[in-house]
Each structure stands twice: as structure tokens, then as C-alpha cells.
């Protein structure tokens, strides 16, 4: 991610008679993450390694009998830095969305897997998607949050593949007093269900809760009194049609109309409804904005807690008339 704006602008032409060379140069330009600023003008954020790649590109174009030139500048007239950043986001974000959609399509195959070979094929497909995601991240110079969300989707599906989804089980009727001062563990890069569930835990179940975020492949240490949530292991996770937020409300008997309103929003976003209600769409936009700031998971949770506190207070006021 770039914290200051300085740009590399370059232009090139390759002899029209050499179609293969034109395609090769175009692929090189695309691979380094350049976007078209105006007709015939490509732009990249300034970085030493990108400057070096542009220099090599210019040499290659010249060797092909073409022409190329590059300049470095701090400002582009008639175009704001924000508009330029949005050009880069518009180029990579659809790629992240495509990876998410392909990953979710694997769920149908997961439900119909019949043997160990099917498992291996699914793992291989998921690994290819993860590599694609990492490749796109190298060109994600101005993250919008799409990369983090994509990694979260991949992590979630990987976990579902290792541990089949739980069927809905009867409510456990748990007492929050038995869950004081625990270490609650979930996967890194939390999104709506994990963020909402963590807030719910801290506010209504365990006021002294501590949270630990595990990277891909890590598992909670149950011997150290770690309580997993929104993970395949443990009981506080998706069950049947219920998301984790709903399971926690049910198992701890949290009967609260304001919580029910928040639960509806979290569910709409988490299950990826095609058309979100206006209030859910607004909440999703804010959560995406928080994720896009690139804060660490604990800082992200802190900001999300303030958001959910405000939502809860607003719903309480509305319901009380």
C-alpha cells in the first residue's frame, strides 16, 4: 500500500507488423499492474522495483524497433490522485470478486464429494485460487478491502472442506457467568459474522473476553482454555441455516429485539444475499470501509465494536419509541 503519491507515466508503440511482439509487451504491461490513464498513456505508482520493470520494458520495446518513454511526476493535471487510485482498484477488484465467486462455487462440489480423490481435487482447486489471489495482491497497490475479504472467503471454505458443516443442534441454554475471562479464538481477517459475534461476546456474554486471531492452518489450543467461535471446531459456529451470531444468541438465550434487528443485518450480509436491504447495504459498506483501512485484526475489532454499539443504541431508541 502506498502512503504518498508519486507516479510513473509511460507510453510505448510497437511496430504494427509484429502482432506477437505487441501482445507480449501488452502482457508485460498488464503483469506489472499498470492501468491506462489516457489513450496511449500508462501509469503506475512510483516504487523502485516498478521503476526498474518499466526501464526493462522500455529497453525491450526499443529492441523490437518501437519507441517508449517514461517520466516520474508528483501530480497529474486534471486528474486527482484519488481518481487515479480508483482506476487501479477498478482493475483488480473485479478479479478478487471473480476469485470469491469461483471459491463459493466449490461449496456445491463439497456437498457432493464422494471419496478422498474428490477431497484432493477440491483442495487443489482451492490452492489454485489462493495463488491467483496472491498474484492479484501484488498488483493491488491501493487496497479497497477486496483482497482481505477474498482471503477470508478462501480461509472459510478451506475450513469447511477440512471439517464438514455441523447440522443444527438443540440450543444449549448456557449461562454467561460460566464464560467469564475466556480467550475466544477465531480466524484472522474477520468479516461481518466474526466481527458481529466478537462484539456480541464482549458486550453480552463475557465482559472480560480476550480475542485471538489464528492464521490459515492454525488451530485453537483447547487445553489452554481457548474457546473457538466461527470456526469448524467447537459449537459456536454455523449450524445448519444459522450463522454464528444467531447460534450465540440462541445458546445464551439473549432475548432482545434490538439484537434481533442487528442479527437480521449480519445474516443478510454473511449469506451473500443478492439484493441487500438498504440498512444492510449501508452496514456492509461501512464494514468494507473499515476492512479497507488495513488495520490489524484487533484494531479492526475495536472499530467494529464502536459501530455495533452505535447500531444497538440506535435500535434500542427506535424500539422504545
Foldseek 3Di string as FASTA:
>chain_A
DDPAFKKKKKFKDAPPVCPVLVVVLVVLCVQQQWFAPDVRMTMDGDDVVSVVSVVVSQVSRVVRVMHMDMDMGRDDPPADPVNVLVRSCVVLLVVLVVLLVVLVVCVVLLVVDDDVVSLVVNVVVLVVSVVSLVSSVSNNPQFLLSSLVSVVSSLLSVQCSVFPAAADDAAQQDALVVVEQAEEEEAFSDALLVLLQVLCCCPPRYVNYHYDHDYRPDDDDVVVRYAYACGSPHDQADHHLDGSLRSVCRNNVVDDVLSVVSRVLSSCVVVPDVDHDPVSVVVNSVRSNLSSVVDGRVVSSVVSSVVVVVSSVVSVVVVVD
